[in-house]
Amino acid sequence: MARDAGLEELIREELGDRAGLSEKAMFGGWAYLLQGNLLLGAREGSLLVRLGKGNDGWALALPDIELMVMNGRAMHGWVRAGADAYGDDALRRRLLDGAIAFVETLPPK
């Protein structure tokens, strides 16, 4: 899969100039880290969001959001939001806020 410049720009606008935020290429897409902890990733057609184990049920109940699976392994606490989900401004903001809230509980790397 290729990078998605439009999605990356939406994420940058939403995250702003938050302290401790960094970006880098990862998993064939673009990753966003907060204090060195993986926060989310963007690839063409999907937004990967780290909500934390036990914090993802609300998101998984919504259309176009599913549990992230990597190499056949379920990644509990991570969701993959499709274009219909991340294209909804309010839902995208809610997903990003959920990811930030969880990652801020982790010790910096």
N, C-alpha and C. Protein backbone atom coordinates (compact mmCIF):
# COMPACT_ATOMS: atom_id res chain seq x y z
N MET A 1 0.84 -1.19 0.00
CA MET A 1 0.00 0.00 0.00
C MET A 1 0.87 1.24 0.00
N ALA A 2 0.35 2.28 -0.58
CA ALA A 2 1.08 3.53 -0.68
C ALA A 2 0.67 4.50 0.42
N ARG A 3 1.48 5.50 0.58
CA ARG A 3 1.14 6.57 1.52
C ARG A 3 -0.04 7.37 0.98
N ASP A 4 -0.73 8.05 1.87
CA ASP A 4 -1.89 8.85 1.53
C ASP A 4 -1.64 10.28 2.00
N ALA A 5 -1.16 11.13 1.10
CA ALA A 5 -0.79 12.51 1.45
C ALA A 5 -1.97 13.29 2.01
N GLY A 6 -3.17 13.07 1.48
CA GLY A 6 -4.35 13.78 1.97
C GLY A 6 -4.68 13.41 3.41
N LEU A 7 -4.63 12.13 3.73
CA LEU A 7 -4.89 11.67 5.09
C LEU A 7 -3.80 12.18 6.03
N GLU A 8 -2.57 12.13 5.58
CA GLU A 8 -1.46 12.61 6.41
C GLU A 8 -1.64 14.09 6.76
N GLU A 9 -2.08 14.88 5.80
CA GLU A 9 -2.30 16.30 6.04
C GLU A 9 -3.45 16.52 7.03
N LEU A 10 -4.53 15.74 6.90
CA LEU A 10 -5.64 15.84 7.85
C LEU A 10 -5.16 15.56 9.27
N ILE A 11 -4.34 14.53 9.41
CA ILE A 11 -3.83 14.16 10.73
C ILE A 11 -2.95 15.27 11.30
N ARG A 12 -2.06 15.80 10.47
CA ARG A 12 -1.18 16.89 10.93
C ARG A 12 -2.00 18.10 11.40
N GLU A 13 -3.05 18.43 10.65
CA GLU A 13 -3.91 19.55 11.04
C GLU A 13 -4.58 19.27 12.38
N GLU A 14 -5.05 18.04 12.57
CA GLU A 14 -5.72 17.68 13.82
C GLU A 14 -4.75 17.66 15.01
N LEU A 15 -3.56 17.12 14.81
CA LEU A 15 -2.60 16.99 15.91
C LEU A 15 -1.90 18.29 16.24
N GLY A 16 -1.78 19.17 15.26
CA GLY A 16 -1.13 20.45 15.49
C GLY A 16 0.34 20.29 15.84
N ASP A 17 0.85 21.21 16.64
CA ASP A 17 2.26 21.20 17.00
C ASP A 17 2.46 20.66 18.42
N ARG A 18 1.77 19.61 18.74
CA ARG A 18 1.80 18.98 20.05
C ARG A 18 3.24 18.63 20.44
N ALA A 19 3.62 18.94 21.65
CA ALA A 19 4.96 18.61 22.16
C ALA A 19 5.15 17.10 22.18
N GLY A 20 6.32 16.65 21.77
CA GLY A 20 6.64 15.23 21.81
C GLY A 20 6.16 14.45 20.61
N LEU A 21 5.55 15.12 19.63
CA LEU A 21 5.04 14.45 18.44
C LEU A 21 6.14 14.32 17.40
N SER A 22 6.26 13.14 16.81
CA SER A 22 7.20 12.94 15.71
C SER A 22 6.55 12.04 14.68
N GLU A 23 7.15 12.00 13.50
CA GLU A 23 6.62 11.22 12.38
C GLU A 23 7.76 10.46 11.73
N LYS A 24 7.41 9.30 11.14
CA LYS A 24 8.40 8.58 10.35
C LYS A 24 7.72 7.51 9.51
N ALA A 25 8.43 7.08 8.48
CA ALA A 25 7.93 6.00 7.63
C ALA A 25 7.95 4.70 8.43
N MET A 26 6.86 3.93 8.32
CA MET A 26 6.77 2.67 9.05
C MET A 26 5.62 1.85 8.46
N PHE A 27 5.81 0.55 8.36
CA PHE A 27 4.77 -0.37 7.92
C PHE A 27 4.21 -0.03 6.54
N GLY A 28 5.01 0.52 5.67
CA GLY A 28 4.56 0.87 4.33
C GLY A 28 3.69 2.11 4.29
N GLY A 29 3.63 2.83 5.37
CA GLY A 29 2.84 4.05 5.45
C GLY A 29 3.59 5.10 6.23
N TRP A 30 2.86 5.93 6.94
CA TRP A 30 3.45 7.00 7.72
C TRP A 30 2.96 6.87 9.15
N ALA A 31 3.88 6.89 10.12
CA ALA A 31 3.53 6.70 11.51
C ALA A 31 3.71 7.99 12.30
N TYR A 32 2.88 8.15 13.31
CA TYR A 32 2.92 9.29 14.22
C TYR A 32 3.20 8.74 15.61
N LEU A 33 4.19 9.32 16.27
CA LEU A 33 4.59 8.88 17.59
C LEU A 33 4.44 10.04 18.56
N LEU A 34 4.10 9.70 19.80
CA LEU A 34 3.97 10.70 20.85
C LEU A 34 4.89 10.27 21.98
N GLN A 35 5.87 11.10 22.29
CA GLN A 35 6.89 10.77 23.29
C GLN A 35 7.57 9.43 22.96
N GLY A 36 7.71 9.12 21.67
CA GLY A 36 8.37 7.90 21.23
C GLY A 36 7.49 6.68 21.15
N ASN A 37 6.23 6.79 21.58
CA ASN A 37 5.28 5.68 21.53
C ASN A 37 4.41 5.81 20.29
N LEU A 38 4.23 4.69 19.60
CA LEU A 38 3.41 4.70 18.39
C LEU A 38 1.98 5.09 18.74
N LEU A 39 1.48 6.09 18.05
CA LEU A 39 0.16 6.66 18.29
C LEU A 39 -0.83 6.20 17.22
N LEU A 40 -0.45 6.38 15.96
CA LEU A 40 -1.31 5.99 14.85
C LEU A 40 -0.49 5.93 13.57
N GLY A 41 -1.11 5.37 12.56
CA GLY A 41 -0.46 5.26 11.27
C GLY A 41 -1.44 5.54 10.15
N ALA A 42 -0.93 6.05 9.06
CA ALA A 42 -1.75 6.36 7.90
C ALA A 42 -1.19 5.64 6.69
N ARG A 43 -2.08 4.97 5.97
CA ARG A 43 -1.75 4.32 4.70
C ARG A 43 -2.91 4.58 3.77
N GLU A 44 -2.68 4.39 2.51
CA GLU A 44 -3.75 4.62 1.54
C GLU A 44 -4.97 3.79 1.93
N GLY A 45 -6.07 4.49 2.19
CA GLY A 45 -7.33 3.82 2.48
C GLY A 45 -7.54 3.39 3.91
N SER A 46 -6.57 3.64 4.82
CA SER A 46 -6.81 3.25 6.21
C SER A 46 -6.01 4.08 7.20
N LEU A 47 -6.62 4.25 8.35
CA LEU A 47 -6.01 4.93 9.48
C LEU A 47 -5.90 3.91 10.60
N LEU A 48 -4.68 3.67 11.07
CA LEU A 48 -4.45 2.73 12.17
C LEU A 48 -4.38 3.54 13.45
N VAL A 49 -5.19 3.16 14.44
CA VAL A 49 -5.34 3.96 15.64
C VAL A 49 -5.10 3.10 16.88
N ARG A 50 -4.22 3.57 17.75
CA ARG A 50 -3.90 2.85 18.99
C ARG A 50 -4.77 3.39 20.12
N LEU A 51 -5.79 2.62 20.48
CA LEU A 51 -6.70 3.01 21.54
C LEU A 51 -6.39 2.32 22.86
N GLY A 52 -5.63 1.24 22.81
CA GLY A 52 -5.29 0.49 24.01
C GLY A 52 -6.26 -0.64 24.27
N LYS A 53 -5.73 -1.73 24.80
CA LYS A 53 -6.57 -2.90 25.11
C LYS A 53 -7.69 -2.49 26.06
N GLY A 54 -8.89 -2.89 25.70
CA GLY A 54 -10.05 -2.58 26.52
C GLY A 54 -10.66 -1.22 26.24
N ASN A 55 -10.01 -0.42 25.42
CA ASN A 55 -10.52 0.91 25.09
C ASN A 55 -11.07 1.00 23.68
N ASP A 56 -11.08 -0.13 22.97
CA ASP A 56 -11.43 -0.10 21.55
C ASP A 56 -12.85 -0.56 21.22
N GLY A 57 -13.60 -1.03 22.20
CA GLY A 57 -14.94 -1.57 21.97
C GLY A 57 -15.88 -0.58 21.31
N TRP A 58 -15.86 0.67 21.75
CA TRP A 58 -16.75 1.68 21.17
C TRP A 58 -16.47 1.87 19.69
N ALA A 59 -15.18 1.87 19.32
CA ALA A 59 -14.81 2.08 17.93
C ALA A 59 -15.17 0.87 17.08
N LEU A 60 -14.95 -0.32 17.61
CA LEU A 60 -15.23 -1.54 16.84
C LEU A 60 -16.72 -1.72 16.57
N ALA A 61 -17.56 -1.03 17.32
CA ALA A 61 -19.01 -1.10 17.12
C ALA A 61 -19.48 -0.21 15.97
N LEU A 62 -18.59 0.59 15.42
CA LEU A 62 -18.96 1.54 14.37
C LEU A 62 -18.67 0.97 12.99
N PRO A 63 -19.42 1.44 11.98
CA PRO A 63 -19.17 0.98 10.61
C PRO A 63 -17.79 1.41 10.11
N ASP A 64 -17.19 0.59 9.29
CA ASP A 64 -15.91 0.84 8.62
C ASP A 64 -14.73 0.93 9.60
N ILE A 65 -14.89 0.34 10.78
CA ILE A 65 -13.78 0.23 11.74
C ILE A 65 -13.70 -1.22 12.16
N GLU A 66 -12.48 -1.77 12.12
CA GLU A 66 -12.29 -3.18 12.48
C GLU A 66 -11.01 -3.34 13.30
N LEU A 67 -10.92 -4.45 13.96
CA LEU A 67 -9.72 -4.79 14.72
C LEU A 67 -8.55 -4.89 13.75
N MET A 68 -7.43 -4.33 14.12
CA MET A 68 -6.25 -4.41 13.27
C MET A 68 -5.68 -5.83 13.34
N VAL A 69 -5.35 -6.38 12.19
CA VAL A 69 -4.73 -7.70 12.11
C VAL A 69 -3.44 -7.52 11.32
N MET A 70 -2.34 -7.98 11.90
CA MET A 70 -1.05 -7.87 11.24
C MET A 70 -0.42 -9.26 11.16
N ASN A 71 -0.12 -9.69 9.95
CA ASN A 71 0.45 -11.02 9.71
C ASN A 71 -0.41 -12.13 10.34
N GLY A 72 -1.72 -11.97 10.24
CA GLY A 72 -2.65 -12.97 10.75
C GLY A 72 -2.88 -12.90 12.25
N ARG A 73 -2.27 -11.95 12.91
CA ARG A 73 -2.38 -11.83 14.37
C ARG A 73 -3.23 -10.62 14.74
N ALA A 74 -4.26 -10.85 15.55
CA ALA A 74 -5.11 -9.75 16.01
C ALA A 74 -4.31 -8.85 16.94
N MET A 75 -4.39 -7.56 16.70
CA MET A 75 -3.67 -6.57 17.49
C MET A 75 -4.69 -5.84 18.38
N HIS A 76 -5.04 -6.48 19.50
CA HIS A 76 -6.04 -5.90 20.40
C HIS A 76 -5.55 -4.54 20.90
N GLY A 77 -6.47 -3.61 20.92
CA GLY A 77 -6.14 -2.25 21.31
C GLY A 77 -5.84 -1.34 20.13
N TRP A 78 -5.74 -1.93 18.95
CA TRP A 78 -5.54 -1.19 17.71
C TRP A 78 -6.74 -1.40 16.80
N VAL A 79 -7.18 -0.33 16.13
CA VAL A 79 -8.25 -0.46 15.15
C VAL A 79 -7.79 0.10 13.82
N ARG A 80 -8.41 -0.40 12.76
CA ARG A 80 -8.17 0.10 11.41
C ARG A 80 -9.46 0.76 10.95
N ALA A 81 -9.39 2.06 10.72
CA ALA A 81 -10.54 2.83 10.25
C ALA A 81 -10.41 3.03 8.75
N GLY A 82 -11.45 2.67 8.03
CA GLY A 82 -11.48 2.87 6.59
C GLY A 82 -11.83 4.30 6.25
N ALA A 83 -11.83 4.60 4.96
CA ALA A 83 -12.05 5.97 4.48
C ALA A 83 -13.38 6.56 4.92
N ASP A 84 -14.43 5.75 4.97
CA ASP A 84 -15.73 6.28 5.41
C ASP A 84 -15.67 6.72 6.87
N ALA A 85 -14.93 6.00 7.68
CA ALA A 85 -14.82 6.33 9.11
C ALA A 85 -13.90 7.55 9.31
N TYR A 86 -12.68 7.50 8.78
CA TYR A 86 -11.77 8.63 9.03
C TYR A 86 -12.16 9.87 8.22
N GLY A 87 -13.02 9.71 7.22
CA GLY A 87 -13.51 10.84 6.45
C GLY A 87 -14.55 11.67 7.19
N ASP A 88 -15.10 11.10 8.26
CA ASP A 88 -16.06 11.80 9.12
C ASP A 88 -15.24 12.63 10.12
N ASP A 89 -15.30 13.94 10.01
CA ASP A 89 -14.46 14.81 10.83
C ASP A 89 -14.62 14.55 12.32
N ALA A 90 -15.86 14.44 12.79
CA ALA A 90 -16.10 14.23 14.22
C ALA A 90 -15.57 12.87 14.68
N LEU A 91 -15.77 11.84 13.88
CA LEU A 91 -15.29 10.51 14.24
C LEU A 91 -13.76 10.46 14.21
N ARG A 92 -13.16 11.07 13.20
CA ARG A 92 -11.69 11.10 13.13
C ARG A 92 -11.14 11.79 14.37
N ARG A 93 -11.74 12.90 14.77
CA ARG A 93 -11.29 13.62 15.96
C ARG A 93 -11.44 12.74 17.21
N ARG A 94 -12.54 12.01 17.31
CA ARG A 94 -12.77 11.14 18.45
C ARG A 94 -11.73 10.02 18.50
N LEU A 95 -11.40 9.46 17.34
CA LEU A 95 -10.38 8.41 17.28
C LEU A 95 -9.01 8.96 17.69
N LEU A 96 -8.65 10.13 17.17
CA LEU A 96 -7.37 10.73 17.53
C LEU A 96 -7.31 11.08 19.01
N ASP A 97 -8.40 11.62 19.54
CA ASP A 97 -8.43 11.95 20.96
C ASP A 97 -8.28 10.70 21.82
N GLY A 98 -8.93 9.61 21.39
CA GLY A 98 -8.81 8.35 22.13
C GLY A 98 -7.39 7.82 22.11
N ALA A 99 -6.74 7.93 20.96
CA ALA A 99 -5.35 7.48 20.84
C ALA A 99 -4.43 8.32 21.72
N ILE A 100 -4.60 9.62 21.68
CA ILE A 100 -3.77 10.50 22.50
C ILE A 100 -3.97 10.21 23.98
N ALA A 101 -5.23 10.06 24.39
CA ALA A 101 -5.52 9.79 25.80
C ALA A 101 -4.83 8.51 26.26
N PHE A 102 -4.84 7.47 25.42
CA PHE A 102 -4.19 6.22 25.80
C PHE A 102 -2.67 6.36 25.81
N VAL A 103 -2.11 6.87 24.74
CA VAL A 103 -0.65 6.94 24.62
C VAL A 103 -0.05 7.86 25.70
N GLU A 104 -0.78 8.87 26.12
CA GLU A 104 -0.27 9.73 27.19
C GLU A 104 -0.13 9.00 28.53
N THR A 105 -0.76 7.83 28.66
CA THR A 105 -0.61 7.04 29.89
C THR A 105 0.66 6.21 29.88
N LEU A 106 1.33 6.12 28.73
CA LEU A 106 2.53 5.29 28.61
C LEU A 106 3.77 6.09 28.97
N PRO A 107 4.79 5.42 29.50
CA PRO A 107 6.03 6.16 29.80
C PRO A 107 6.72 6.55 28.48
N PRO A 108 7.36 7.72 28.46
CA PRO A 108 8.08 8.13 27.25
C PRO A 108 9.19 7.13 26.93
N LYS A 109 9.50 7.02 25.64
CA LYS A 109 10.60 6.14 25.21
C LYS A 109 11.79 6.98 24.85
